[in-house]
């Protein structure tokens, strides 16, 4: 006699959950091992992609093309500057990704740094590196807008 059971959190740990499965979980399941595994995997994939992009940029910038035309040279330099600005933003994102992975290991992931309340699954799915709840982030942005950095 075979018995079919509904997958529970323990069984879900054996495989990564989907976004839909995570969204369907109740508040009592917040940041359970299966959810943490989902976000850890997502952050590790993002980290891998950012590191790959950085390597491609390094290779691309090493391929120096000498062009006699000043307009062409200016275009190439502008493309390089744009690529470097993009990589700088990605470097900052990589740092946040690595901090989020450390927070998972430390047991702090998913909780607002300011209030200690849950950040929320929908927000973490949209921005896995979020460290503030939506309300705390709104307060911080309003404060920055009013008083500057």
N, C-alpha and C. Protein backbone atom coordinates (compact mmCIF):
# COMPACT_ATOMS: atom_id res chain seq x y z
N UNK A 1 0.84 -1.17 0.00
CA UNK A 1 0.00 0.00 0.00
C UNK A 1 0.89 1.24 0.00
N UNK A 2 0.69 2.09 -0.99
CA UNK A 2 1.47 3.32 -1.04
C UNK A 2 0.65 4.46 -0.50
N UNK A 3 1.33 5.31 0.14
CA UNK A 3 0.67 6.43 0.78
C UNK A 3 1.17 7.73 0.14
N UNK A 4 0.26 8.54 -0.34
CA UNK A 4 0.66 9.82 -0.90
C UNK A 4 0.42 10.91 0.13
N UNK A 5 1.44 11.70 0.31
CA UNK A 5 1.31 12.78 1.28
C UNK A 5 1.63 14.10 0.60
N UNK A 6 1.10 15.12 1.16
CA UNK A 6 1.38 16.46 0.68
C UNK A 6 2.81 16.81 1.10
N UNK A 7 3.61 17.38 0.19
CA UNK A 7 4.98 17.72 0.58
C UNK A 7 4.98 18.73 1.72
N UNK A 8 5.79 18.46 2.72
CA UNK A 8 5.90 19.41 3.83
C UNK A 8 7.24 20.12 3.76
N UNK A 9 7.51 20.96 4.72
CA UNK A 9 8.74 21.76 4.71
C UNK A 9 9.98 20.88 4.72
N UNK A 10 9.93 19.75 5.44
CA UNK A 10 11.09 18.86 5.52
C UNK A 10 11.38 18.24 4.15
N UNK A 11 10.33 17.82 3.43
CA UNK A 11 10.53 17.25 2.11
C UNK A 11 10.97 18.32 1.12
N UNK A 12 10.48 19.54 1.31
CA UNK A 12 10.81 20.63 0.41
C UNK A 12 12.29 21.00 0.49
N UNK A 13 12.93 20.67 1.63
CA UNK A 13 14.35 20.98 1.79
C UNK A 13 15.20 20.19 0.80
N UNK A 14 14.70 19.02 0.36
CA UNK A 14 15.46 18.19 -0.57
C UNK A 14 15.54 18.81 -1.96
N UNK A 15 14.64 19.69 -2.29
CA UNK A 15 14.64 20.35 -3.59
C UNK A 15 14.36 21.84 -3.37
N UNK A 16 14.72 22.63 -4.36
CA UNK A 16 14.46 24.06 -4.24
C UNK A 16 12.98 24.34 -4.54
N UNK A 17 12.41 25.20 -3.76
CA UNK A 17 11.02 25.59 -3.97
C UNK A 17 10.92 26.57 -5.13
N UNK A 18 9.72 26.69 -5.67
CA UNK A 18 9.47 27.69 -6.70
C UNK A 18 8.98 28.96 -6.02
N UNK A 19 8.97 30.05 -6.77
CA UNK A 19 8.45 31.31 -6.24
C UNK A 19 7.00 31.14 -5.77
N UNK A 20 6.22 30.43 -6.55
CA UNK A 20 4.81 30.24 -6.22
C UNK A 20 4.66 29.49 -4.90
N UNK A 21 5.48 28.45 -4.71
CA UNK A 21 5.41 27.69 -3.46
C UNK A 21 5.79 28.55 -2.26
N UNK A 22 6.79 29.38 -2.45
CA UNK A 22 7.22 30.25 -1.35
C UNK A 22 6.15 31.28 -1.03
N UNK A 23 5.57 31.88 -2.08
CA UNK A 23 4.52 32.89 -1.86
C UNK A 23 3.30 32.28 -1.17
N UNK A 24 3.05 31.00 -1.41
CA UNK A 24 1.87 30.34 -0.85
C UNK A 24 2.05 29.96 0.63
N UNK A 25 3.26 30.00 1.12
CA UNK A 25 3.51 29.61 2.51
C UNK A 25 2.96 30.66 3.47
N UNK A 26 2.62 30.20 4.65
CA UNK A 26 2.08 31.09 5.68
C UNK A 26 3.17 31.83 6.42
N UNK A 27 2.75 32.77 7.25
CA UNK A 27 3.70 33.57 8.04
C UNK A 27 4.51 32.72 9.01
N UNK A 28 3.92 31.62 9.49
CA UNK A 28 4.63 30.76 10.44
C UNK A 28 5.82 30.05 9.79
N UNK A 29 5.84 30.00 8.44
CA UNK A 29 6.93 29.36 7.72
C UNK A 29 8.03 30.35 7.32
N UNK A 30 7.90 31.61 7.72
CA UNK A 30 8.84 32.65 7.28
C UNK A 30 10.28 32.29 7.62
N UNK A 31 11.11 32.32 6.61
CA UNK A 31 12.54 32.03 6.68
C UNK A 31 12.85 30.65 7.25
N UNK A 32 12.02 29.69 6.84
CA UNK A 32 12.31 28.30 7.20
C UNK A 32 13.47 27.81 6.32
N UNK A 33 14.02 26.64 6.59
CA UNK A 33 15.18 26.17 5.83
C UNK A 33 14.94 26.10 4.31
N UNK A 34 13.75 25.74 3.90
CA UNK A 34 13.47 25.65 2.46
C UNK A 34 13.49 27.03 1.81
N UNK A 35 12.94 28.03 2.49
CA UNK A 35 12.97 29.39 1.95
C UNK A 35 14.40 29.92 1.92
N UNK A 36 15.14 29.66 2.97
CA UNK A 36 16.54 30.11 3.00
C UNK A 36 17.34 29.46 1.88
N UNK A 37 17.09 28.19 1.60
CA UNK A 37 17.78 27.49 0.52
C UNK A 37 17.44 28.13 -0.83
N UNK A 38 16.17 28.51 -1.01
CA UNK A 38 15.73 29.17 -2.24
C UNK A 38 16.49 30.48 -2.44
N UNK A 39 16.53 31.31 -1.41
CA UNK A 39 17.19 32.61 -1.54
C UNK A 39 18.70 32.46 -1.65
N UNK A 40 19.27 31.48 -0.96
CA UNK A 40 20.71 31.25 -1.07
C UNK A 40 21.08 30.87 -2.50
N UNK A 41 20.28 29.99 -3.09
CA UNK A 41 20.53 29.58 -4.47
C UNK A 41 20.41 30.77 -5.42
N UNK A 42 19.37 31.58 -5.22
CA UNK A 42 19.16 32.74 -6.09
C UNK A 42 20.33 33.73 -5.95
N UNK A 43 20.78 33.96 -4.74
CA UNK A 43 21.89 34.88 -4.52
C UNK A 43 23.20 34.33 -5.09
N UNK A 44 23.41 33.02 -4.96
CA UNK A 44 24.63 32.42 -5.51
C UNK A 44 24.64 32.50 -7.04
N UNK A 45 23.48 32.32 -7.67
CA UNK A 45 23.40 32.46 -9.12
C UNK A 45 23.72 33.89 -9.55
N UNK A 46 23.18 34.86 -8.81
CA UNK A 46 23.44 36.26 -9.10
C UNK A 46 24.92 36.57 -8.92
N UNK A 47 25.52 36.05 -7.86
CA UNK A 47 26.94 36.26 -7.61
C UNK A 47 27.78 35.70 -8.76
N UNK A 48 27.44 34.50 -9.21
CA UNK A 48 28.16 33.87 -10.31
C UNK A 48 28.07 34.71 -11.59
N UNK A 49 26.88 35.22 -11.86
CA UNK A 49 26.65 36.04 -13.05
C UNK A 49 27.45 37.35 -12.98
N UNK A 50 27.46 37.98 -11.81
CA UNK A 50 28.21 39.23 -11.65
C UNK A 50 29.71 39.01 -11.81
N UNK A 51 30.22 37.91 -11.26
CA UNK A 51 31.64 37.61 -11.39
C UNK A 51 32.01 37.30 -12.85
N UNK A 52 31.11 36.62 -13.55
CA UNK A 52 31.34 36.31 -14.97
C UNK A 52 31.40 37.60 -15.78
N UNK A 53 30.46 38.53 -15.50
CA UNK A 53 30.44 39.81 -16.21
C UNK A 53 31.71 40.60 -15.95
N UNK A 54 32.20 40.57 -14.72
CA UNK A 54 33.42 41.29 -14.39
C UNK A 54 34.60 40.73 -15.18
N UNK A 55 34.66 39.41 -15.29
CA UNK A 55 35.73 38.78 -16.06
C UNK A 55 35.66 39.14 -17.53
N UNK A 56 34.44 39.20 -18.07
CA UNK A 56 34.28 39.57 -19.48
C UNK A 56 34.70 41.01 -19.72
N UNK A 57 34.41 41.88 -18.78
CA UNK A 57 34.80 43.28 -18.92
C UNK A 57 36.31 43.41 -18.92
N UNK A 58 36.96 42.69 -18.03
CA UNK A 58 38.42 42.74 -17.96
C UNK A 58 39.02 42.31 -19.30
N UNK A 59 38.50 41.21 -19.84
CA UNK A 59 38.99 40.73 -21.14
C UNK A 59 38.71 41.74 -22.24
N UNK A 60 37.52 42.31 -22.21
CA UNK A 60 37.12 43.27 -23.25
C UNK A 60 38.01 44.51 -23.22
N UNK A 61 38.32 44.99 -22.02
CA UNK A 61 39.14 46.20 -21.91
C UNK A 61 40.60 45.93 -22.28
N UNK A 62 41.04 44.69 -22.15
CA UNK A 62 42.42 44.34 -22.54
C UNK A 62 42.57 44.35 -24.05
N UNK A 63 41.50 44.12 -24.77
CA UNK A 63 41.54 44.11 -26.23
C UNK A 63 41.59 45.55 -26.72
N UNK A 64 42.75 46.12 -26.67
CA UNK A 64 42.92 47.50 -27.08
C UNK A 64 43.03 47.58 -28.59
N UNK A 65 42.17 48.39 -29.16
CA UNK A 65 42.17 48.58 -30.60
C UNK A 65 42.70 49.98 -30.87
N UNK A 66 43.72 50.06 -31.68
CA UNK A 66 44.28 51.36 -32.03
C UNK A 66 43.58 51.86 -33.29
N UNK A 67 42.94 53.00 -33.16
CA UNK A 67 42.25 53.60 -34.30
C UNK A 67 42.79 55.01 -34.51
N UNK A 68 43.14 55.31 -35.72
CA UNK A 68 43.71 56.63 -35.98
C UNK A 68 42.67 57.77 -35.93
N UNK A 69 41.43 57.47 -36.24
CA UNK A 69 40.41 58.51 -36.29
C UNK A 69 40.02 58.94 -34.87
N UNK A 70 40.16 60.23 -34.55
CA UNK A 70 39.82 60.71 -33.20
C UNK A 70 38.34 60.47 -32.82
N UNK A 71 37.44 60.56 -33.77
CA UNK A 71 36.02 60.33 -33.48
C UNK A 71 35.78 58.87 -33.09
N UNK A 72 36.40 57.96 -33.83
CA UNK A 72 36.26 56.54 -33.51
C UNK A 72 36.89 56.23 -32.15
N UNK A 73 38.03 56.84 -31.89
CA UNK A 73 38.72 56.62 -30.62
C UNK A 73 37.86 57.15 -29.46
N UNK A 74 37.23 58.30 -29.67
CA UNK A 74 36.36 58.87 -28.64
C UNK A 74 35.15 57.97 -28.38
N UNK A 75 34.60 57.38 -29.43
CA UNK A 75 33.47 56.46 -29.29
C UNK A 75 33.88 55.24 -28.48
N UNK A 76 35.03 54.69 -28.79
CA UNK A 76 35.52 53.51 -28.07
C UNK A 76 35.76 53.85 -26.61
N UNK A 77 36.36 55.01 -26.34
CA UNK A 77 36.61 55.42 -24.96
C UNK A 77 35.31 55.62 -24.20
N UNK A 78 34.30 56.18 -24.86
CA UNK A 78 33.00 56.38 -24.21
C UNK A 78 32.34 55.03 -23.91
N UNK A 79 32.45 54.08 -24.82
CA UNK A 79 31.91 52.73 -24.58
C UNK A 79 32.61 52.08 -23.39
N UNK A 80 33.91 52.25 -23.30
CA UNK A 80 34.67 51.69 -22.18
C UNK A 80 34.24 52.35 -20.87
N UNK A 81 34.05 53.67 -20.89
CA UNK A 81 33.63 54.38 -19.68
C UNK A 81 32.25 53.90 -19.23
N UNK A 82 31.35 53.70 -20.17
CA UNK A 82 30.01 53.21 -19.85
C UNK A 82 30.09 51.80 -19.26
N UNK A 83 30.91 50.97 -19.86
CA UNK A 83 31.08 49.60 -19.37
C UNK A 83 31.67 49.60 -17.95
N UNK A 84 32.61 50.49 -17.70
CA UNK A 84 33.21 50.57 -16.36
C UNK A 84 32.20 51.07 -15.33
N UNK A 85 31.34 52.02 -15.71
CA UNK A 85 30.30 52.49 -14.78
C UNK A 85 29.33 51.36 -14.46
N UNK A 86 28.97 50.59 -15.48
CA UNK A 86 28.07 49.46 -15.27
C UNK A 86 28.72 48.44 -14.33
N UNK A 87 29.98 48.14 -14.55
CA UNK A 87 30.67 47.18 -13.70
C UNK A 87 30.82 47.70 -12.27
N UNK A 88 30.96 49.03 -12.12
CA UNK A 88 31.06 49.60 -10.78
C UNK A 88 29.75 49.37 -10.03
N UNK A 89 28.63 49.57 -10.71
CA UNK A 89 27.33 49.29 -10.08
C UNK A 89 27.21 47.82 -9.74
N UNK A 90 27.68 46.96 -10.63
CA UNK A 90 27.63 45.52 -10.38
C UNK A 90 28.56 45.14 -9.23
N UNK A 91 29.69 45.83 -9.10
CA UNK A 91 30.61 45.56 -7.99
C UNK A 91 29.93 45.87 -6.66
N UNK A 92 29.19 46.97 -6.62
CA UNK A 92 28.45 47.33 -5.41
C UNK A 92 27.36 46.31 -5.12
N UNK A 93 26.68 45.84 -6.19
CA UNK A 93 25.66 44.82 -6.02
C UNK A 93 26.28 43.52 -5.54
N UNK A 94 27.45 43.17 -6.05
CA UNK A 94 28.14 41.95 -5.64
C UNK A 94 28.42 41.98 -4.14
N UNK A 95 28.83 43.14 -3.65
CA UNK A 95 29.09 43.28 -2.21
C UNK A 95 27.81 43.02 -1.41
N UNK A 96 26.68 43.56 -1.89
CA UNK A 96 25.40 43.34 -1.20
C UNK A 96 24.99 41.88 -1.26
N UNK A 97 25.24 41.23 -2.40
CA UNK A 97 24.92 39.80 -2.55
C UNK A 97 25.74 39.00 -1.54
N UNK A 98 27.02 39.30 -1.42
CA UNK A 98 27.87 38.57 -0.49
C UNK A 98 27.46 38.83 0.96
N UNK A 99 27.03 40.05 1.26
CA UNK A 99 26.54 40.35 2.61
C UNK A 99 25.25 39.57 2.89
N UNK A 100 24.39 39.45 1.88
CA UNK A 100 23.14 38.70 2.05
C UNK A 100 23.42 37.22 2.27
N UNK A 101 24.39 36.68 1.54
CA UNK A 101 24.77 35.28 1.75
C UNK A 101 25.32 35.07 3.16
N UNK A 102 26.10 36.03 3.64
CA UNK A 102 26.63 35.95 5.01
C UNK A 102 25.48 36.04 6.02
N UNK A 103 24.46 36.86 5.72
CA UNK A 103 23.31 36.98 6.62
C UNK A 103 22.53 35.67 6.67
N UNK A 104 22.46 34.96 5.56
CA UNK A 104 21.80 33.64 5.55
C UNK A 104 22.56 32.70 6.49
N UNK A 105 23.88 32.69 6.35
CA UNK A 105 24.70 31.83 7.20
C UNK A 105 24.58 32.23 8.67
N UNK A 106 24.44 33.52 8.93
CA UNK A 106 24.37 34.02 10.30
C UNK A 106 22.97 33.98 10.90
N UNK A 107 21.99 33.63 10.08
CA UNK A 107 20.61 33.54 10.58
C UNK A 107 19.88 34.86 10.65
N UNK A 108 20.42 35.91 10.01
CA UNK A 108 19.78 37.22 10.05
C UNK A 108 19.03 37.57 8.78
N UNK A 109 19.11 36.74 7.76
CA UNK A 109 18.51 37.07 6.47
C UNK A 109 16.98 37.12 6.56
N UNK A 110 16.43 38.12 5.91
CA UNK A 110 14.97 38.24 5.85
C UNK A 110 14.38 39.12 6.93
N UNK A 111 15.22 39.64 7.81
CA UNK A 111 14.74 40.47 8.91
C UNK A 111 15.28 41.89 8.74
N UNK A 112 14.44 42.87 8.96
CA UNK A 112 14.79 44.27 8.79
C UNK A 112 15.90 44.67 9.77
N UNK A 113 16.95 45.29 9.24
CA UNK A 113 18.07 45.75 10.07
C UNK A 113 17.63 46.83 11.05
N UNK A 114 16.63 47.61 10.66
CA UNK A 114 16.22 48.74 11.48
C UNK A 114 15.19 48.36 12.55
N UNK A 115 14.19 47.57 12.16
CA UNK A 115 13.08 47.27 13.07
C UNK A 115 13.09 45.85 13.61
N UNK A 116 13.80 44.94 12.94
CA UNK A 116 13.80 43.55 13.36
C UNK A 116 12.58 42.78 12.89
N UNK A 117 11.71 43.43 12.13
CA UNK A 117 10.51 42.79 11.62
C UNK A 117 10.83 42.06 10.31
N UNK A 118 9.96 41.14 9.88
CA UNK A 118 10.18 40.46 8.60
C UNK A 118 10.17 41.45 7.43
N UNK A 119 11.09 41.27 6.50
CA UNK A 119 11.13 42.10 5.30
C UNK A 119 9.98 41.72 4.39
N UNK A 120 9.67 40.44 4.32
CA UNK A 120 8.56 39.96 3.50
C UNK A 120 9.04 39.22 2.27
N UNK A 121 8.37 38.13 1.99
CA UNK A 121 8.74 37.28 0.85
C UNK A 121 8.63 38.03 -0.48
N UNK A 122 7.51 38.73 -0.75
CA UNK A 122 7.43 39.41 -2.05
C UNK A 122 8.58 40.40 -2.28
N UNK A 123 8.96 41.14 -1.25
CA UNK A 123 10.07 42.10 -1.38
C UNK A 123 11.39 41.37 -1.61
N UNK A 124 11.61 40.27 -0.90
CA UNK A 124 12.86 39.53 -1.07
C UNK A 124 12.94 38.84 -2.44
N UNK A 125 11.79 38.43 -2.96
CA UNK A 125 11.80 37.84 -4.31
C UNK A 125 12.17 38.92 -5.32
N UNK A 126 11.62 40.12 -5.16
CA UNK A 126 11.92 41.22 -6.07
C UNK A 126 13.35 41.73 -5.90
N UNK A 127 13.82 41.79 -4.66
CA UNK A 127 15.15 42.31 -4.35
C UNK A 127 15.77 41.45 -3.26
N UNK A 128 16.44 40.37 -3.66
CA UNK A 128 16.99 39.43 -2.67
C UNK A 128 18.04 40.04 -1.74
N UNK A 129 18.58 41.21 -2.09
CA UNK A 129 19.59 41.84 -1.24
C UNK A 129 18.98 42.87 -0.28
N UNK A 130 17.66 42.95 -0.21
CA UNK A 130 17.01 43.93 0.66
C UNK A 130 17.38 43.67 2.12
N UNK A 131 17.65 44.77 2.84
CA UNK A 131 17.99 44.65 4.26
C UNK A 131 16.99 45.39 5.13
N UNK A 132 16.08 46.11 4.49
CA UNK A 132 15.07 46.87 5.22
C UNK A 132 13.68 46.47 4.76
N UNK A 133 12.72 46.53 5.67
CA UNK A 133 11.34 46.30 5.28
C UNK A 133 10.91 47.46 4.39
N UNK A 134 9.81 47.30 3.70
CA UNK A 134 9.33 48.33 2.80
C UNK A 134 9.11 49.65 3.54
N UNK A 135 8.50 49.58 4.72
CA UNK A 135 8.21 50.78 5.50
C UNK A 135 9.51 51.47 5.94
N UNK A 136 10.48 50.69 6.41
CA UNK A 136 11.76 51.26 6.84
C UNK A 136 12.50 51.88 5.66
N UNK A 137 12.42 51.24 4.50
CA UNK A 137 13.07 51.78 3.30
C UNK A 137 12.41 53.09 2.89
N UNK A 138 11.09 53.15 2.96
CA UNK A 138 10.38 54.38 2.61
C UNK A 138 10.76 55.51 3.57
N UNK A 139 10.85 55.20 4.85
CA UNK A 139 11.27 56.22 5.82
C UNK A 139 12.67 56.72 5.52
N UNK A 140 13.58 55.81 5.20
CA UNK A 140 14.96 56.18 4.90
C UNK A 140 15.02 57.07 3.65
N UNK A 141 14.27 56.70 2.61
CA UNK A 141 14.29 57.50 1.39
C UNK A 141 13.68 58.88 1.62
N UNK A 142 12.61 58.95 2.41
CA UNK A 142 12.00 60.25 2.71
C UNK A 142 12.98 61.12 3.48
N UNK A 143 13.67 60.53 4.44
CA UNK A 143 14.65 61.25 5.24
C UNK A 143 15.78 61.78 4.35
N UNK A 144 16.25 60.93 3.42
CA UNK A 144 17.30 61.34 2.50
C UNK A 144 16.83 62.47 1.60
N UNK A 145 15.58 62.38 1.17
CA UNK A 145 15.02 63.42 0.28
C UNK A 145 14.91 64.75 1.03
N UNK A 146 14.51 64.70 2.28
CA UNK A 146 14.34 65.92 3.07
C UNK A 146 15.65 66.52 3.54
N UNK A 147 16.56 65.66 4.00
CA UNK A 147 17.78 66.15 4.63
C UNK A 147 19.06 65.86 3.86
N UNK A 148 18.95 65.17 2.76
CA UNK A 148 20.15 64.79 2.02
C UNK A 148 20.82 63.58 2.66
N UNK A 149 21.95 63.19 2.14
CA UNK A 149 22.63 61.99 2.67
C UNK A 149 23.16 62.19 4.01
